[in-house]
Amino acid sequence: MPKLTKKIKQRLNPLFANPLSSLSRDISARFPSELHDYIIDHLYNDRHTLSACTLVCSTWHASATYHLFQNAAAIHVHRMNFLRFCELLASQRLNGYIGRLNLESHIVDDRFDGEDAFQFNVDLQRFTGLQNVKYLRLDYHHELLLPAFFTALAQNFSSVTELELSSFHFDSFTQLLQIHDTLPMLRRLALVALIDVVVNRVNMIHVMRWLPSHPCIRRLAIGQLYGGHIALVSTVLRTLGPGLEHLIVYDADITQLPDLSQTTGLRTLQITGILCYRDADLAWLPALLSQLNSRVLERIVLVVELPSRADLDLLDWPRLAALEGVQRVEFSLSGHNKWATKVIEERLRTRRYALRVGSWKQRYQYGLGAFDL
């Protein structure tokens, strides 16, 4: 092979120094940035491939970093890894990319002998510079809230618009109100398994009584709707009235019916956790749906749990097929999903549904699911 002339070497030197630079510029010129994001959407779960792609095309770096670090979580992690995560946040290298943060108060630590709640309240103050975090989920397993907790929430998470609290233990309802008032941008609050320390159980009565003071609520999700709560729920629904657009009831165990007559602006009604053990279990549905006076209703979703294959015969299929406005029906079974899907399609073929058959799971203990302020 003939020797390269000095002139050719000078032209090739930049390419030898960075052999991928020209390829990166070529890809950037040929494909729009929207296509880059589309490709990354399919690669973000494969960290090795995504890292390799960012080496080939430098223009992918920002989008790839966003996809990798937009959702950050510290769930059941060891103390050493948790501290490394805090150090990474302190460096401010990734903070601008994090938009959703999921934290669990239980940090695995073999050498720490003190109260975990004290340690987590202190740790929460280290989450600084997270101005782009809009969604925050806190899984808090302790029966103690320190003043440091509220201080950290106000100083580090003032930009949060969605807050989800799970397994929280409150001494009084005032503590919940204090959290609500601490976040000025809050638009959505989700409460799951909210524990009242005084009675040592999930207690949503105070929350339900507080909701009417926010008549602008647009979306309301309620869990564990029992007969004793119906009157209070009906009062809330009448207060929210036509402003309520989306209503979700989790784990329905309805012996009485809430008053839906004033929810004239309702667009979505979803009832989940409908348990059927006899053919009369859906007898309440027509009466409930007959209350709906909304002319803008777009979607009714029923989620029916059938623990065994034989329970399919318990449903009143003609009644279910005749329900007006039902656009989606979901069934949860312990198994035989393909077989069940075929059977259900045959029994509901008089109308078209968006049908989903999934695996049956144990009922989860819900408090008040979520509401938009």
Protein backbone atom coordinates (compact mmCIF):
# COMPACT_ATOMS: atom_id res chain seq x y z
CA MET A 1 0.00 0.00 0.00
CA PRO A 2 1.53 3.31 -1.03
CA LYS A 3 2.44 5.75 1.69
CA LEU A 4 -0.03 8.50 2.40
CA THR A 5 1.08 11.89 1.32
CA LYS A 6 1.43 14.64 3.89
CA LYS A 7 -1.58 16.48 2.43
CA ILE A 8 -3.85 13.44 2.71
CA LYS A 9 -2.70 12.82 6.28
CA GLN A 10 -3.60 16.38 7.23
CA ARG A 11 -7.09 15.90 5.82
CA LEU A 12 -7.60 12.59 7.63
CA ASN A 13 -6.13 13.62 10.98
CA PRO A 14 -9.43 15.01 12.37
CA LEU A 15 -11.18 11.78 11.43
CA PHE A 16 -8.45 9.67 13.02
CA ALA A 17 -8.70 11.77 16.18
CA ASN A 18 -12.48 11.27 16.40
CA PRO A 19 -13.61 8.61 13.93
CA LEU A 20 -17.28 8.89 14.98
CA SER A 21 -17.60 12.65 14.67
CA SER A 22 -18.38 12.69 10.96
CA LEU A 23 -20.88 9.86 11.39
CA SER A 24 -22.56 11.77 14.20
CA ARG A 25 -22.87 14.90 12.06
CA ASP A 26 -24.13 12.82 9.14
CA ILE A 27 -26.87 11.17 11.21
CA SER A 28 -27.83 14.51 12.71
CA ALA A 29 -28.17 16.07 9.27
CA ARG A 30 -30.13 13.21 7.74
CA PHE A 31 -32.72 12.56 10.47
CA PRO A 32 -34.90 15.04 12.37
CA SER A 33 -34.68 15.21 16.16
CA GLU A 34 -38.22 13.80 16.45
CA LEU A 35 -36.96 10.55 14.94
CA HIS A 36 -34.12 10.46 17.46
CA ASP A 37 -36.64 10.66 20.30
CA TYR A 38 -38.78 7.96 18.69
CA ILE A 39 -35.81 5.59 18.50
CA ILE A 40 -34.75 6.37 22.05
CA ASP A 41 -38.28 5.65 23.27
CA HIS A 42 -37.72 2.04 22.19
CA LEU A 43 -34.23 1.82 23.64
CA TYR A 44 -34.44 3.51 27.02
CA ASN A 45 -34.86 0.20 28.87
CA ASP A 46 -31.69 -1.16 27.26
CA ARG A 47 -28.99 0.94 28.90
CA HIS A 48 -26.09 -0.71 27.02
CA THR A 49 -27.62 -0.13 23.58
CA LEU A 50 -28.68 3.38 24.45
CA SER A 51 -25.19 4.26 25.67
CA ALA A 52 -23.70 2.87 22.46
CA CYS A 53 -26.09 4.96 20.37
CA THR A 54 -25.15 8.14 22.20
CA LEU A 55 -21.51 7.47 21.37
CA VAL A 56 -22.36 7.18 17.68
CA CYS A 57 -24.61 10.22 17.56
CA SER A 58 -23.76 13.00 19.97
CA THR A 59 -27.05 14.76 19.23
CA TRP A 60 -28.80 11.96 21.07
CA HIS A 61 -27.04 12.75 24.31
CA ALA A 62 -29.60 15.17 25.73
CA SER A 63 -32.61 13.02 24.84
CA ALA A 64 -30.90 9.86 26.09
CA THR A 65 -30.03 11.50 29.40
CA TYR A 66 -33.62 12.68 29.76
CA HIS A 67 -34.98 9.17 29.17
CA LEU A 68 -32.47 7.57 31.51
CA PHE A 69 -32.95 9.93 34.44
CA GLN A 70 -36.42 11.44 34.08
CA ASN A 71 -37.80 8.84 36.51
CA ALA A 72 -35.62 8.48 39.61
CA ALA A 73 -36.36 6.10 42.46
CA ALA A 74 -34.82 5.02 45.75
CA ILE A 75 -36.88 2.04 46.88
CA HIS A 76 -35.56 -0.43 49.46
CA VAL A 77 -31.97 0.55 48.75
CA HIS A 78 -28.91 0.09 50.94
CA ARG A 79 -27.63 3.09 52.88
CA MET A 80 -24.40 3.19 50.87
CA ASN A 81 -26.23 3.37 47.54
CA PHE A 82 -28.66 5.91 48.92
CA LEU A 83 -25.78 8.17 49.99
CA ARG A 84 -24.21 7.84 46.55
CA PHE A 85 -27.51 8.92 45.03
CA CYS A 86 -27.57 11.95 47.34
CA GLU A 87 -23.98 12.81 46.36
CA LEU A 88 -24.94 12.60 42.70
CA LEU A 89 -27.79 15.03 43.32
CA ALA A 90 -25.44 17.35 45.19
CA SER A 91 -23.21 17.52 42.10
CA GLN A 92 -26.17 19.00 40.16
CA ARG A 93 -25.21 16.98 37.07
CA LEU A 94 -28.55 15.21 36.62
CA ASN A 95 -30.98 17.33 38.62
CA GLY A 96 -32.29 19.18 35.60
CA TYR A 97 -33.41 15.93 33.98
CA ILE A 98 -35.30 14.43 36.92
CA GLY A 99 -39.03 15.05 36.62
CA ARG A 100 -40.46 12.20 38.73
CA LEU A 101 -39.07 11.04 42.07
CA ASN A 102 -40.12 7.97 44.05
CA LEU A 103 -38.73 7.64 47.59
CA GLU A 104 -39.22 4.98 50.25
CA SER A 105 -38.43 5.84 53.85
CA HIS A 106 -37.05 2.40 54.68
CA ILE A 107 -33.31 2.49 53.93
CA VAL A 108 -31.44 -0.78 54.44
CA ASP A 109 -28.71 -0.09 56.98
CA ASP A 110 -27.09 -2.86 59.03
CA ARG A 111 -25.07 -0.50 61.24
CA PHE A 112 -27.62 2.20 62.06
CA ASP A 113 -29.25 1.60 65.45
CA GLY A 114 -31.42 4.71 65.64
CA GLU A 115 -34.96 5.43 64.55
CA ASP A 116 -35.37 5.19 60.76
CA ALA A 117 -37.88 8.02 60.76
CA PHE A 118 -35.32 10.44 62.23
CA GLN A 119 -32.74 9.45 59.63
CA PHE A 120 -35.11 9.77 56.67
CA ASN A 121 -36.34 13.19 57.80
CA VAL A 122 -32.71 14.33 57.81
CA ASP A 123 -31.96 12.68 54.46
CA LEU A 124 -34.90 14.41 52.82
CA GLN A 125 -33.18 17.76 53.35
CA ARG A 126 -30.35 16.64 51.03
CA PHE A 127 -32.60 16.52 47.96
CA THR A 128 -31.77 20.02 46.75
CA GLY A 129 -31.75 21.56 43.28
CA LEU A 130 -34.69 19.50 41.97
CA GLN A 131 -36.59 22.38 40.43
CA ASN A 132 -37.95 20.22 37.58
CA VAL A 133 -39.53 17.55 39.78
CA LYS A 134 -43.29 17.67 39.19
CA TYR A 135 -44.25 14.25 40.56
CA LEU A 136 -43.21 13.07 44.03
CA ARG A 137 -44.14 9.77 45.64
CA LEU A 138 -43.27 9.20 49.29
CA ASP A 139 -43.70 5.76 50.83
CA TYR A 140 -43.43 6.58 54.52
CA HIS A 141 -43.72 3.65 56.95
CA HIS A 142 -43.12 5.37 60.27
CA GLU A 143 -45.35 6.81 62.96
CA LEU A 144 -43.35 9.99 63.40
CA LEU A 145 -43.21 13.17 61.31
CA LEU A 146 -40.51 15.61 62.38
CA PRO A 147 -40.50 19.37 61.68
CA ALA A 148 -37.51 18.66 59.41
CA PHE A 149 -39.86 16.74 57.12
CA PHE A 150 -42.10 19.74 56.48
CA THR A 151 -39.07 22.02 56.11
CA ALA A 152 -37.50 19.76 53.49
CA LEU A 153 -40.80 19.48 51.64
CA ALA A 154 -41.19 23.27 51.46
CA GLN A 155 -37.58 24.04 50.52
CA ASN A 156 -36.80 21.23 48.06
CA PHE A 157 -40.11 20.32 46.43
CA SER A 158 -42.02 23.56 46.00
CA SER A 159 -42.39 22.88 42.25
CA VAL A 160 -44.27 19.59 42.77
CA THR A 161 -47.69 19.48 41.11
CA GLU A 162 -48.47 15.80 41.82
CA LEU A 163 -47.94 14.26 45.26
CA GLU A 164 -48.61 10.66 46.21
CA LEU A 165 -48.38 9.61 49.85
CA SER A 166 -48.37 5.90 50.64
CA SER A 167 -48.54 4.18 54.04
CA PHE A 168 -48.42 7.52 55.84
CA HIS A 169 -49.10 7.59 59.57
CA PHE A 170 -50.73 10.79 60.83
CA ASP A 171 -51.28 11.84 64.41
CA SER A 172 -53.93 14.31 63.29
CA PHE A 173 -55.57 15.52 60.12
CA THR A 174 -53.79 18.84 60.65
CA GLN A 175 -50.54 17.21 59.53
CA LEU A 176 -52.07 16.32 56.18
CA LEU A 177 -53.36 19.87 55.77
CA GLN A 178 -49.89 21.17 56.60
CA ILE A 179 -48.39 19.09 53.77
CA HIS A 180 -51.08 20.33 51.39
CA ASP A 181 -50.48 23.97 52.30
CA THR A 182 -46.69 23.55 52.00
CA LEU A 183 -46.80 22.90 48.24
CA PRO A 184 -48.14 25.98 46.41
CA MET A 185 -48.14 24.35 42.94
CA LEU A 186 -49.96 21.17 43.99
CA ARG A 187 -52.69 20.12 41.57
CA ARG A 188 -53.10 16.42 42.33
CA LEU A 189 -52.94 14.60 45.65
CA ALA A 190 -53.07 10.82 46.00
CA LEU A 191 -53.44 9.13 49.38
CA VAL A 192 -52.94 5.37 49.56
CA ALA A 193 -53.29 3.41 52.82
CA LEU A 194 -53.45 6.54 54.95
CA ILE A 195 -53.13 5.37 58.57
CA ASP A 196 -54.69 7.24 61.48
CA VAL A 197 -52.33 6.53 64.39
CA VAL A 198 -55.06 7.18 66.96
CA VAL A 199 -57.33 4.39 65.69
CA ASN A 200 -54.49 2.43 64.00
CA ARG A 201 -56.32 1.90 60.71
CA VAL A 202 -57.11 3.54 57.40
CA ASN A 203 -59.39 6.44 58.18
CA MET A 204 -60.62 8.63 55.33
CA ILE A 205 -63.57 10.25 57.09
CA HIS A 206 -61.66 13.48 57.79
CA VAL A 207 -60.46 13.63 54.19
CA MET A 208 -63.95 13.12 52.82
CA ARG A 209 -65.28 15.90 55.03
CA TRP A 210 -62.48 18.18 53.84
CA LEU A 211 -63.14 17.66 50.12
CA PRO A 212 -66.26 19.87 49.85
CA SER A 213 -64.08 22.85 50.77
CA HIS A 214 -62.49 22.40 47.32
CA PRO A 215 -65.45 22.71 44.92
CA CYS A 216 -63.11 23.00 41.91
CA ILE A 217 -62.05 19.33 42.08
CA ARG A 218 -62.26 17.81 38.60
CA ARG A 219 -61.13 14.23 39.22
CA LEU A 220 -61.97 12.11 42.25
CA ALA A 221 -60.90 8.52 42.96
CA ILE A 222 -62.32 6.84 46.06
CA GLY A 223 -61.31 3.49 47.53
CA GLN A 224 -63.17 1.05 49.77
CA LEU A 225 -66.64 2.44 49.28
CA TYR A 226 -68.74 0.79 51.98
CA GLY A 227 -72.34 1.31 53.01
CA GLY A 228 -71.39 3.46 55.99
CA HIS A 229 -69.59 5.92 53.71
CA ILE A 230 -72.35 6.30 51.13
CA ALA A 231 -74.10 9.26 52.76
CA LEU A 232 -70.82 11.16 53.10
CA VAL A 233 -69.79 10.33 49.54
CA SER A 234 -73.17 11.51 48.27
CA THR A 235 -72.69 14.81 50.09
CA VAL A 236 -69.28 15.25 48.48
CA LEU A 237 -70.64 14.46 45.01
CA ARG A 238 -73.53 16.90 45.40
CA THR A 239 -71.10 19.63 46.49
CA LEU A 240 -68.73 19.05 43.58
CA GLY A 241 -71.73 18.89 41.26
CA PRO A 242 -71.28 19.61 37.55
CA GLY A 243 -67.63 20.53 38.02
CA LEU A 244 -66.65 16.89 38.61
CA GLU A 245 -65.53 15.34 35.33
CA HIS A 246 -63.97 12.00 36.30
CA LEU A 247 -65.10 9.65 39.07
CA ILE A 248 -63.31 6.40 39.93
CA VAL A 249 -64.46 3.99 42.63
CA TYR A 250 -61.89 1.37 43.69
CA ASP A 251 -62.79 -1.96 45.27
CA ALA A 252 -66.52 -1.42 45.03
CA ASP A 253 -68.57 -3.18 47.71
CA ILE A 254 -71.83 -1.39 47.16
CA THR A 255 -74.82 -2.20 49.33
CA GLN A 256 -76.25 1.29 48.88
CA LEU A 257 -75.89 3.70 46.00
CA PRO A 258 -74.23 7.14 46.11
CA ASP A 259 -76.17 10.06 44.67
CA LEU A 260 -74.87 10.83 41.17
CA SER A 261 -77.77 13.03 40.11
CA GLN A 262 -75.84 16.32 40.48
CA THR A 263 -72.73 15.19 38.57
CA THR A 264 -74.06 16.55 35.29
CA GLY A 265 -70.57 17.28 33.92
CA LEU A 266 -69.28 13.74 34.38
CA ARG A 267 -67.19 12.49 31.46
CA THR A 268 -65.75 9.30 32.94
CA LEU A 269 -67.18 6.81 35.42
CA GLN A 270 -64.98 3.87 36.39
CA ILE A 271 -65.85 1.20 38.94
CA THR A 272 -63.15 -1.34 39.78
CA GLY A 273 -62.95 -4.38 42.01
CA ILE A 274 -66.51 -5.55 41.32
CA LEU A 275 -66.72 -8.97 42.96
CA CYS A 276 -69.25 -11.50 41.71
CA TYR A 277 -70.12 -14.55 43.76
CA ARG A 278 -73.73 -14.93 42.64
CA ASP A 279 -75.83 -13.90 39.68
CA ALA A 280 -77.39 -10.97 41.57
CA ASP A 281 -74.11 -9.17 42.16
CA LEU A 282 -74.60 -6.76 39.26
CA ALA A 283 -78.22 -5.98 40.08
CA TRP A 284 -77.23 -2.55 41.43
CA LEU A 285 -75.55 -1.41 38.21
CA PRO A 286 -78.64 -0.38 36.20
CA ALA A 287 -79.97 1.60 39.17
CA LEU A 288 -76.64 3.35 39.58
CA LEU A 289 -76.30 4.20 35.90
CA SER A 290 -79.89 5.40 35.68
CA GLN A 291 -78.92 8.30 37.98
CA LEU A 292 -76.47 9.70 35.47
CA ASN A 293 -77.73 12.98 34.05
CA SER A 294 -74.55 13.94 32.24
CA ARG A 295 -74.88 14.64 28.53
CA VAL A 296 -71.12 14.74 28.07
CA LEU A 297 -70.48 11.24 29.43
CA GLU A 298 -67.84 9.66 27.20
CA ARG A 299 -66.63 6.57 29.02
CA ILE A 300 -67.93 4.02 31.49
CA VAL A 301 -65.47 1.38 32.66
CA LEU A 302 -66.34 -1.67 34.74
CA VAL A 303 -63.60 -3.87 36.20
CA VAL A 304 -65.02 -7.23 37.30
CA GLU A 305 -62.96 -9.66 39.39
CA LEU A 306 -63.72 -13.35 38.89
CA PRO A 307 -61.40 -15.42 41.10
CA SER A 308 -62.16 -18.68 39.29
CA ARG A 309 -63.02 -19.82 35.79
CA ALA A 310 -66.44 -21.10 36.86
CA ASP A 311 -67.45 -17.64 38.07
CA LEU A 312 -68.09 -16.58 34.49
CA ASP A 313 -71.46 -18.30 34.76
CA LEU A 314 -72.47 -16.11 37.70
CA LEU A 315 -72.73 -12.93 35.65
CA ASP A 316 -76.01 -11.73 34.25
CA TRP A 317 -74.65 -11.35 30.72
CA PRO A 318 -77.83 -9.97 29.06
CA ARG A 319 -78.04 -7.28 31.73
CA LEU A 320 -74.37 -6.40 31.31
CA ALA A 321 -74.61 -6.32 27.52
CA ALA A 322 -77.63 -4.01 27.67
CA LEU A 323 -75.99 -1.35 29.84
CA GLU A 324 -75.96 1.94 27.96
CA GLY A 325 -72.75 3.91 27.70
CA VAL A 326 -70.40 1.14 28.80
CA GLN A 327 -67.38 1.40 26.52
CA ARG A 328 -64.89 -0.83 28.28
CA VAL A 329 -65.21 -3.90 30.44
CA GLU A 330 -62.21 -5.46 32.17
CA PHE A 331 -62.24 -8.90 33.72
CA SER A 332 -59.61 -10.19 36.14
CA LEU A 333 -59.28 -13.95 36.49
CA SER A 334 -56.84 -16.25 38.21
CA GLY A 335 -55.89 -17.86 34.90
CA HIS A 336 -57.16 -19.16 31.54
CA ASN A 337 -56.98 -15.67 30.04
CA LYS A 338 -57.13 -16.74 26.40
CA TRP A 339 -60.03 -19.10 26.96
CA ALA A 340 -61.90 -16.52 29.01
CA THR A 341 -61.38 -13.81 26.41
CA LYS A 342 -63.02 -15.97 23.75
CA VAL A 343 -65.96 -16.84 26.01
CA ILE A 344 -66.53 -13.23 27.03
CA GLU A 345 -66.38 -12.01 23.45
CA GLU A 346 -69.09 -14.50 22.52
CA ARG A 347 -71.36 -13.40 25.37
CA LEU A 348 -70.91 -9.68 24.73
CA ARG A 349 -71.00 -9.79 20.95
CA THR A 350 -74.26 -7.79 20.78
CA ARG A 351 -72.12 -4.70 21.34
CA ARG A 352 -68.53 -3.67 20.79
CA TYR A 353 -66.32 -3.18 23.81
CA ALA A 354 -62.71 -2.50 24.53
CA LEU A 355 -62.15 -5.80 26.31
CA ARG A 356 -59.27 -6.67 28.58
CA VAL A 357 -58.75 -9.88 30.52
CA GLY A 358 -55.93 -9.81 33.04
CA SER A 359 -54.59 -11.81 35.97
CA TRP A 360 -56.49 -11.64 39.22
CA LYS A 361 -54.57 -10.27 42.19
CA GLN A 362 -55.37 -9.85 45.84
CA ARG A 363 -57.37 -6.75 46.62
CA TYR A 364 -55.17 -3.86 47.62
CA GLN A 365 -56.05 -1.70 50.58
CA TYR A 366 -56.99 1.71 49.21
CA GLY A 367 -57.60 4.92 50.99
CA LEU A 368 -58.67 7.88 48.94
CA GLY A 369 -57.05 7.22 45.59
CA ALA A 370 -56.49 10.67 44.13
CA PHE A 371 -58.12 13.98 43.49
CA ASP A 372 -57.27 16.99 41.37
CA LEU A 373 -57.36 20.35 43.10
